[in-house]
Amino acid sequence: MGGLLASPKTDKYNETGCGNGLRYGISSMQGWRLSMEDAHCAITQLPGNLKDWSFFAVFDGHAGALVSELCATELLKCIVDTEEFKKINPDLAPSLQEVERGIRDGFLSLDDRLRHLPQLASGEDRSGSTAVCVLITPKHIFFANCGDSRAILIRKGKVAFATVDHKPVNPNEKQRIQNAGGSVIIQRVNGSLAVSRSLGDYAFKAAKDLGPTEQLISPEPEITVVDRDKDLDEIIVLACDGIWDVLTNEELCSLLQNRMRCVEDLSMICNETIDMCLYKGSSDNMSMVLVAFDPAPRVDPTSKAEDENLESILVQRTKEFLEKHTKNEVTTEMVLEHLQGSVGNILSSGNWLCKIGKIQELIDSHRLACSNRGSQQNR
């Protein structure tokens, strides 16, 4: 794990869009880390004759941001540039195997191209990145995962599919690592890297007698094809491990079912999720892409009104507490303890956690105001 800041950077990047019957929202935040190493990609219409295909991806970089940033701009290009994709005629329904091979070859092609960049070839930059992406066609969803970022598919309010994280302790991954002359120590490759597949990380791909997928770290994605069900498909989430470290698939699924009935803006729902994960102890960069199909939950006026009332009460009680404390001494725990005592019946539902970002904003503003007053008095 990299170094941490004295306090988290909570400014967020947001993006929303729609196309091909899909809506999406994105949020990313640096958090406690010294730098932002996540990247993402959202393309609702692929180029050329694949305009009714869509592509979304999240990349979690480590040891630098170079590889993750290049993945975000180059992976899709490498996939559509493969021979398999060049031959695709959407009117003739390409075989699933052809699309899978194209995705796989695109990953391997990108990894090979990046290897020859001067800063990576010289070892000056030793960064790497996970990758999780979805390619959505009119009839299928292709999930491709390389590393421990994760995607889930939600149908009828339940997790219908989830990618599997590539960890060194997984039996097949461990066997490949050992076959390549390495070992798994404290759940890391040679005691160092916490994922067993990634793009970049060329210090772990140096065995000249082994193929690219046989190295200590493999760039090969695990690909799963799911038939689309236009009546049941609701949500796809792609996120880095900063999210999954503190939320289970089912917890996030339940949260989204609630929030999408209260909030229209998908990027704001992602913001709430990230703020909640920060409160729950995530110290990593965090990125989340939320993709909604037509059957996804829509805003319900009653649920929205109840949610707005909840926020109003929490904001009012927080402000009342802060007004009684004129020194820069208030902690988040103090405020939450006060709320527990004054509106504990509301907090018992658990829905208040999606408001933790708003509560923290009020606390931060209060601290800044107290600090400014103290500085003026000391002049």
Protein backbone atom coordinates (compact mmCIF):
# COMPACT_ATOMS: atom_id res chain seq x y z
CA MET A 1 0.00 0.00 0.00
CA GLY A 2 1.19 3.50 -0.83
CA GLY A 3 1.50 6.37 1.63
CA LEU A 4 -1.50 8.22 3.00
CA LEU A 5 -2.39 11.89 3.40
CA ALA A 6 -3.04 13.60 6.73
CA SER A 7 -6.66 14.05 5.65
CA PRO A 8 -8.55 12.69 2.64
CA LYS A 9 -9.10 14.62 -0.58
CA THR A 10 -12.84 14.36 -1.09
CA ASP A 11 -13.29 16.43 -4.26
CA LYS A 12 -14.89 14.21 -6.87
CA TYR A 13 -14.89 13.89 -10.63
CA ASN A 14 -18.39 13.32 -12.00
CA GLU A 15 -19.75 12.35 -15.38
CA THR A 16 -23.17 11.34 -16.68
CA GLY A 17 -24.45 10.30 -20.07
CA CYS A 18 -26.85 8.16 -22.03
CA GLY A 19 -27.09 6.23 -25.27
CA ASN A 20 -28.23 2.91 -26.70
CA GLY A 21 -30.98 2.72 -24.09
CA LEU A 22 -28.48 3.04 -21.25
CA ARG A 23 -27.92 5.73 -18.62
CA TYR A 24 -24.68 5.99 -16.70
CA GLY A 25 -23.06 7.94 -13.90
CA ILE A 26 -19.44 8.05 -12.76
CA SER A 27 -17.69 9.26 -9.63
CA SER A 28 -14.04 9.08 -8.66
CA MET A 29 -12.17 10.41 -5.63
CA GLN A 30 -8.54 10.44 -4.52
CA GLY A 31 -9.36 9.86 -0.85
CA TRP A 32 -6.48 9.19 1.55
CA ARG A 33 -3.91 8.28 -1.10
CA LEU A 34 -1.03 10.60 -2.01
CA SER A 35 -2.11 10.68 -5.65
CA MET A 36 -4.98 9.61 -7.89
CA GLU A 37 -4.13 6.44 -9.81
CA ASP A 38 -7.62 5.33 -10.93
CA ALA A 39 -8.96 5.89 -14.42
CA HIS A 40 -12.15 5.01 -16.27
CA CYS A 41 -13.78 4.88 -19.68
CA ALA A 42 -17.42 5.29 -20.81
CA ILE A 43 -18.35 4.99 -24.49
CA THR A 44 -22.05 4.62 -25.22
CA GLN A 45 -21.51 4.12 -28.97
CA LEU A 46 -18.52 2.28 -30.37
CA PRO A 47 -16.92 3.60 -33.57
CA GLY A 48 -17.54 2.28 -37.08
CA ASN A 49 -20.30 -0.23 -37.63
CA LEU A 50 -20.71 -1.01 -33.92
CA LYS A 51 -22.74 2.04 -32.95
CA ASP A 52 -25.27 -0.04 -31.02
CA TRP A 53 -22.49 -1.49 -28.82
CA SER A 54 -21.36 0.25 -25.60
CA PHE A 55 -18.21 -0.01 -23.48
CA PHE A 56 -17.53 0.88 -19.85
CA ALA A 57 -14.38 0.24 -17.81
CA VAL A 58 -12.59 1.01 -14.55
CA PHE A 59 -8.81 0.85 -14.11
CA ASP A 60 -7.13 0.80 -10.70
CA GLY A 61 -3.49 1.82 -11.01
CA HIS A 62 -0.67 1.11 -8.59
CA ALA A 63 2.90 2.42 -8.33
CA GLY A 64 1.85 5.33 -10.52
CA ALA A 65 -0.94 6.45 -12.83
CA LEU A 66 0.69 6.05 -16.25
CA VAL A 67 -0.58 2.57 -17.09
CA SER A 68 -4.13 3.13 -15.80
CA GLU A 69 -4.43 6.39 -17.75
CA LEU A 70 -3.19 4.74 -20.95
CA CYS A 71 -5.58 1.83 -20.42
CA ALA A 72 -8.48 4.28 -20.26
CA THR A 73 -7.58 5.81 -23.62
CA GLU A 74 -6.13 2.82 -25.47
CA LEU A 75 -7.79 -0.45 -24.39
CA LEU A 76 -10.95 -0.07 -26.46
CA LYS A 77 -8.86 1.01 -29.46
CA CYS A 78 -6.76 -2.13 -29.12
CA ILE A 79 -9.87 -4.31 -28.90
CA VAL A 80 -11.63 -2.90 -31.97
CA ASP A 81 -8.32 -2.99 -33.86
CA THR A 82 -8.03 -6.79 -33.54
CA GLU A 83 -8.59 -8.98 -36.57
CA GLU A 84 -11.63 -10.51 -34.87
CA PHE A 85 -13.34 -7.16 -34.46
CA LYS A 86 -12.42 -5.96 -37.93
CA LYS A 87 -14.35 -8.93 -39.33
CA ILE A 88 -17.47 -8.30 -37.27
CA ASN A 89 -20.61 -7.52 -39.22
CA PRO A 90 -23.32 -6.74 -36.66
CA ASP A 91 -26.02 -7.61 -39.20
CA LEU A 92 -24.72 -11.19 -39.29
CA ALA A 93 -24.57 -11.73 -35.50
CA PRO A 94 -20.87 -12.42 -34.81
CA SER A 95 -20.02 -15.56 -32.88
CA LEU A 96 -19.47 -15.14 -29.16
CA GLN A 97 -16.08 -16.82 -29.49
CA GLU A 98 -14.93 -14.22 -32.01
CA VAL A 99 -15.86 -11.36 -29.69
CA GLU A 100 -14.20 -13.08 -26.72
CA ARG A 101 -11.01 -13.62 -28.73
CA GLY A 102 -11.06 -10.00 -29.81
CA ILE A 103 -11.33 -8.78 -26.22
CA ARG A 104 -8.57 -11.12 -25.06
CA ASP A 105 -6.27 -10.20 -27.95
CA GLY A 106 -6.97 -6.51 -27.31
CA PHE A 107 -5.78 -6.85 -23.71
CA LEU A 108 -2.63 -8.71 -24.74
CA SER A 109 -1.94 -6.26 -27.56
CA LEU A 110 -2.21 -3.27 -25.23
CA ASP A 111 0.07 -4.90 -22.68
CA ASP A 112 2.67 -5.54 -25.37
CA ARG A 113 2.43 -1.99 -26.74
CA LEU A 114 2.83 -0.43 -23.31
CA ARG A 115 5.88 -2.58 -22.62
CA HIS A 116 7.75 -0.78 -25.41
CA LEU A 117 7.07 2.76 -24.20
CA PRO A 118 10.45 4.29 -23.20
CA GLN A 119 9.56 5.09 -19.58
CA LEU A 120 8.14 1.59 -19.02
CA ALA A 121 10.77 -0.27 -21.03
CA SER A 122 13.57 1.43 -19.08
CA GLY A 123 12.02 0.63 -15.72
CA GLU A 124 11.80 4.34 -14.89
CA ASP A 125 8.05 3.85 -14.49
CA ARG A 126 7.02 0.59 -12.82
CA SER A 127 3.28 1.16 -12.67
CA GLY A 128 0.54 -1.31 -13.42
CA SER A 129 -3.23 -1.41 -13.43
CA THR A 130 -6.17 -3.69 -12.97
CA ALA A 131 -8.95 -3.55 -15.54
CA VAL A 132 -12.61 -4.46 -15.43
CA CYS A 133 -14.84 -3.70 -18.38
CA VAL A 134 -18.18 -4.51 -19.94
CA LEU A 135 -19.01 -4.60 -23.62
CA ILE A 136 -22.77 -4.35 -24.08
CA THR A 137 -24.22 -5.48 -27.40
CA PRO A 138 -27.91 -5.65 -28.35
CA LYS A 139 -28.07 -9.30 -27.25
CA HIS A 140 -25.15 -9.94 -24.89
CA ILE A 141 -23.03 -8.49 -22.10
CA PHE A 142 -19.32 -9.35 -22.17
CA PHE A 143 -17.59 -8.98 -18.80
CA ALA A 144 -13.77 -8.86 -18.89
CA ASN A 145 -11.76 -8.73 -15.68
CA CYS A 146 -8.02 -8.56 -15.05
CA GLY A 147 -7.13 -8.02 -11.38
CA ASP A 148 -9.26 -7.20 -8.36
CA SER A 149 -11.54 -4.47 -9.64
CA ARG A 150 -15.03 -5.93 -9.94
CA ALA A 151 -18.26 -5.74 -11.91
CA ILE A 152 -21.70 -6.93 -10.85
CA LEU A 153 -24.95 -7.35 -12.78
CA ILE A 154 -28.21 -6.75 -10.91
CA ARG A 155 -31.50 -8.30 -12.05
CA LYS A 156 -34.81 -7.87 -10.23
CA GLY A 157 -33.04 -6.41 -7.21
CA LYS A 158 -30.57 -9.29 -6.82
CA VAL A 159 -26.94 -9.82 -7.81
CA ALA A 160 -27.18 -12.10 -10.86
CA PHE A 161 -23.47 -12.15 -11.74
CA ALA A 162 -20.17 -10.89 -10.34
CA THR A 163 -16.65 -11.10 -11.73
CA VAL A 164 -14.10 -12.99 -9.64
CA ASP A 165 -11.12 -11.06 -8.23
CA HIS A 166 -7.71 -12.31 -9.35
CA LYS A 167 -5.80 -12.78 -6.11
CA PRO A 168 -2.48 -14.65 -5.70
CA VAL A 169 -4.07 -17.07 -3.22
CA ASN A 170 -6.60 -18.34 -5.76
CA PRO A 171 -5.52 -21.92 -6.58
CA ASN A 172 -5.17 -21.46 -10.35
CA GLU A 173 -3.40 -18.13 -9.94
CA LYS A 174 -1.05 -19.54 -7.31
CA GLN A 175 -0.19 -22.48 -9.55
CA ARG A 176 0.74 -20.19 -12.44
CA ILE A 177 2.86 -18.02 -10.14
CA GLN A 178 4.72 -21.07 -8.84
CA ASN A 179 5.16 -22.46 -12.37
CA ALA A 180 6.80 -19.14 -13.28
CA GLY A 181 9.28 -19.52 -10.42
CA GLY A 182 7.53 -17.24 -7.97
CA SER A 183 5.80 -17.68 -4.64
CA VAL A 184 2.87 -16.29 -2.72
CA ILE A 185 3.99 -14.62 0.51
CA ILE A 186 1.52 -12.84 2.84
CA GLN A 187 -1.07 -13.17 0.05
CA ARG A 188 1.12 -11.26 -2.42
CA VAL A 189 3.13 -12.24 -5.49
CA ASN A 190 6.69 -12.62 -4.18
CA GLY A 191 5.51 -10.71 -1.13
CA SER A 192 4.94 -7.58 -3.21
CA LEU A 193 1.93 -7.32 -5.53
CA ALA A 194 -1.57 -7.98 -4.17
CA VAL A 195 -3.11 -8.92 -7.54
CA SER A 196 -2.17 -11.82 -9.81
CA ARG A 197 -3.29 -10.28 -13.10
CA SER A 198 -2.78 -6.76 -14.40
CA LEU A 199 -1.64 -4.63 -17.30
CA GLY A 200 1.85 -3.19 -16.92
CA ASP A 201 3.92 -4.38 -13.95
CA TYR A 202 6.68 -5.50 -16.31
CA ALA A 203 9.09 -6.31 -13.50
CA PHE A 204 6.85 -9.36 -12.96
CA LYS A 205 6.76 -10.28 -16.67
CA ALA A 206 10.46 -10.73 -17.39
CA ALA A 207 10.76 -14.50 -17.98
CA LYS A 208 11.91 -14.73 -21.61
CA ASP A 209 11.11 -18.45 -21.85
CA LEU A 210 7.46 -17.95 -20.88
CA GLY A 211 4.52 -16.61 -22.84
CA PRO A 212 2.65 -13.46 -21.78
CA THR A 213 -0.09 -15.40 -19.97
CA GLU A 214 2.41 -17.65 -18.14
CA GLN A 215 4.29 -14.92 -16.30
CA LEU A 216 4.16 -14.18 -12.57
CA ILE A 217 1.55 -11.55 -13.43
CA SER A 218 -0.74 -12.24 -16.38
CA PRO A 219 -2.43 -9.58 -18.55
CA GLU A 220 -5.07 -12.07 -19.71
CA PRO A 221 -8.66 -11.10 -18.86
CA GLU A 222 -11.21 -13.56 -17.58
CA ILE A 223 -14.21 -13.17 -19.90
CA THR A 224 -17.81 -14.11 -19.17
CA VAL A 225 -20.73 -13.71 -21.58
CA VAL A 226 -24.24 -13.15 -20.25
CA ASP A 227 -27.33 -13.11 -22.45
CA ARG A 228 -29.20 -9.84 -22.13
CA ASP A 229 -32.70 -9.96 -20.68
CA LYS A 230 -34.38 -6.69 -21.56
CA ASP A 231 -37.13 -7.30 -19.01
CA LEU A 232 -34.87 -8.17 -16.07
CA ASP A 233 -31.49 -6.44 -16.54
CA GLU A 234 -31.41 -3.43 -14.22
CA ILE A 235 -27.92 -2.29 -13.24
CA ILE A 236 -24.25 -2.93 -13.90
CA VAL A 237 -21.67 -1.58 -11.45
CA LEU A 238 -17.95 -1.42 -12.14
CA ALA A 239 -15.72 -0.33 -9.28
CA CYS A 240 -12.20 -0.58 -7.92
CA ASP A 241 -11.35 -2.40 -4.71
CA GLY A 242 -11.62 0.82 -2.72
CA ILE A 243 -15.37 0.20 -2.94
CA TRP A 244 -15.41 -3.58 -2.58
CA ASP A 245 -13.06 -3.58 0.41
CA VAL A 246 -15.86 -2.20 2.59
CA LEU A 247 -19.09 -3.18 0.77
CA THR A 248 -20.20 -6.64 -0.28
CA ASN A 249 -21.91 -7.19 -3.63
CA GLU A 250 -25.22 -7.63 -1.85
CA GLU A 251 -24.80 -4.52 0.31
CA LEU A 252 -24.13 -2.35 -2.73
CA CYS A 253 -27.04 -3.95 -4.58
CA SER A 254 -29.40 -3.14 -1.71
CA LEU A 255 -28.07 0.41 -1.43
CA LEU A 256 -28.61 1.10 -5.14
CA GLN A 257 -32.16 -0.26 -5.05
CA ASN A 258 -32.90 2.31 -2.35
CA ARG A 259 -31.02 5.29 -3.77
CA MET A 260 -32.29 5.00 -7.34
CA ARG A 261 -35.82 5.44 -5.99
CA CYS A 262 -34.76 8.70 -4.34
CA VAL A 263 -32.16 10.27 -6.65
CA GLU A 264 -32.31 10.73 -10.43
CA ASP A 265 -28.66 11.68 -11.01
CA LEU A 266 -26.64 8.46 -11.18
CA SER A 267 -23.33 10.24 -10.54
CA MET A 268 -24.75 11.63 -7.29
CA ILE A 269 -25.61 8.09 -6.22
CA CYS A 270 -22.00 7.15 -6.95
CA ASN A 271 -20.87 10.12 -4.84
CA GLU A 272 -23.00 8.96 -1.92
CA THR A 273 -21.59 5.45 -2.22
CA ILE A 274 -18.00 6.70 -2.22
CA ASP A 275 -18.62 8.96 0.79
CA MET A 276 -20.12 5.99 2.61
CA CYS A 277 -17.10 3.83 1.77
CA LEU A 278 -14.77 6.55 3.05
CA TYR A 279 -16.70 6.65 6.32
CA LYS A 280 -16.58 2.84 6.55
CA GLY A 281 -12.78 2.95 6.42
CA SER A 282 -11.68 2.70 2.79
CA SER A 283 -8.26 4.35 2.45
CA ASP A 284 -7.81 3.76 -1.28
CA ASN A 285 -8.61 5.77 -4.40
CA MET A 286 -12.24 5.10 -5.30
CA SER A 287 -13.93 4.95 -8.69
CA MET A 288 -17.39 3.72 -9.58
CA VAL A 289 -19.33 3.45 -12.84
CA LEU A 290 -23.08 2.88 -12.55
CA VAL A 291 -24.91 1.75 -15.71
CA ALA A 292 -28.72 1.60 -15.70
CA PHE A 293 -30.91 -0.32 -18.13
CA ASP A 294 -34.57 0.56 -18.77
CA PRO A 295 -35.95 -1.76 -16.03
CA ALA A 296 -33.75 -0.13 -13.36
CA PRO A 297 -35.57 1.46 -10.42
CA ARG A 298 -36.85 4.97 -11.10
CA VAL A 299 -37.43 7.84 -8.71
CA ASP A 300 -40.57 7.35 -6.64
CA PRO A 301 -42.13 10.63 -5.40
CA THR A 302 -42.90 9.22 -1.95
CA SER A 303 -39.41 7.78 -1.49
CA LYS A 304 -37.84 11.01 -2.73
CA ALA A 305 -39.89 13.11 -0.30
CA GLU A 306 -38.97 10.84 2.63
CA ASP A 307 -35.31 11.04 1.65
CA GLU A 308 -35.38 14.83 1.42
CA ASN A 309 -37.05 14.98 4.84
CA LEU A 310 -34.36 12.71 6.30
CA GLU A 311 -31.61 14.96 4.93
CA SER A 312 -33.35 18.08 6.23
CA ILE A 313 -33.57 16.64 9.76
CA LEU A 314 -29.95 15.47 9.78
CA VAL A 315 -28.67 18.80 8.45
CA GLN A 316 -30.73 20.78 10.97
CA ARG A 317 -29.60 18.70 13.95
CA THR A 318 -25.98 18.78 12.79
CA LYS A 319 -26.05 22.58 12.45
CA GLU A 320 -27.62 22.93 15.90
CA PHE A 321 -24.82 20.88 17.41
CA LEU A 322 -22.07 22.75 15.55
CA GLU A 323 -23.44 26.15 16.61
CA LYS A 324 -22.84 25.17 20.24
CA HIS A 325 -19.16 24.46 19.59
CA THR A 326 -17.18 27.54 18.65
CA LYS A 327 -13.76 25.91 18.73
CA ASN A 328 -12.11 23.67 16.17
CA GLU A 329 -12.67 20.62 18.32
CA VAL A 330 -15.61 18.86 16.70
CA THR A 331 -15.05 15.38 15.31
CA THR A 332 -17.31 13.34 13.08
CA GLU A 333 -17.75 10.85 15.92
CA MET A 334 -19.01 13.63 18.23
CA VAL A 335 -21.62 14.71 15.70
CA LEU A 336 -22.79 11.16 15.04
CA GLU A 337 -23.05 10.51 18.77
CA HIS A 338 -25.24 13.61 19.06
CA LEU A 339 -27.43 12.47 16.17
CA GLN A 340 -27.73 9.03 17.73
CA GLY A 341 -29.03 10.64 20.90
CA SER A 342 -31.44 13.05 19.22
CA VAL A 343 -32.72 11.11 16.19
CA GLY A 344 -31.61 7.57 16.95
CA ASN A 345 -34.88 6.18 15.59
CA ILE A 346 -33.96 7.58 12.17
CA LEU A 347 -30.41 6.27 12.28
CA SER A 348 -31.59 2.76 13.13
CA SER A 349 -32.80 2.25 9.55
CA GLY A 350 -29.28 2.59 8.18
CA ASN A 351 -30.43 4.86 5.33
CA TRP A 352 -28.73 7.84 6.98
CA LEU A 353 -25.32 6.53 5.89
CA CYS A 354 -25.92 7.82 2.38
CA LYS A 355 -26.00 11.30 3.96
CA ILE A 356 -22.60 11.01 5.63
CA GLY A 357 -21.00 13.11 2.89
CA LYS A 358 -23.41 15.98 3.57
CA ILE A 359 -22.81 15.74 7.31
CA GLN A 360 -19.05 15.74 6.77
CA GLU A 361 -19.30 18.84 4.55
CA LEU A 362 -20.97 20.72 7.40
CA ILE A 363 -18.31 19.56 9.86
CA ASP A 364 -15.46 20.56 7.52
CA SER A 365 -16.99 24.00 6.93
CA HIS A 366 -17.37 24.46 10.69
CA ARG A 367 -13.74 23.51 11.32
CA LEU A 368 -12.54 25.92 8.63
CA ALA A 369 -14.62 28.77 10.07
CA CYS A 370 -13.27 28.08 13.57
CA SER A 371 -9.72 27.94 12.25
CA ASN A 372 -10.14 31.25 10.40
CA ARG A 373 -11.56 32.93 13.50
CA GLY A 374 -8.65 31.65 15.55
CA SER A 375 -6.14 33.00 13.04
CA GLN A 376 -7.75 36.45 13.07
CA GLN A 377 -7.78 36.58 16.88
CA ASN A 378 -4.08 35.72 17.04
CA ARG A 379 -3.02 38.55 14.76
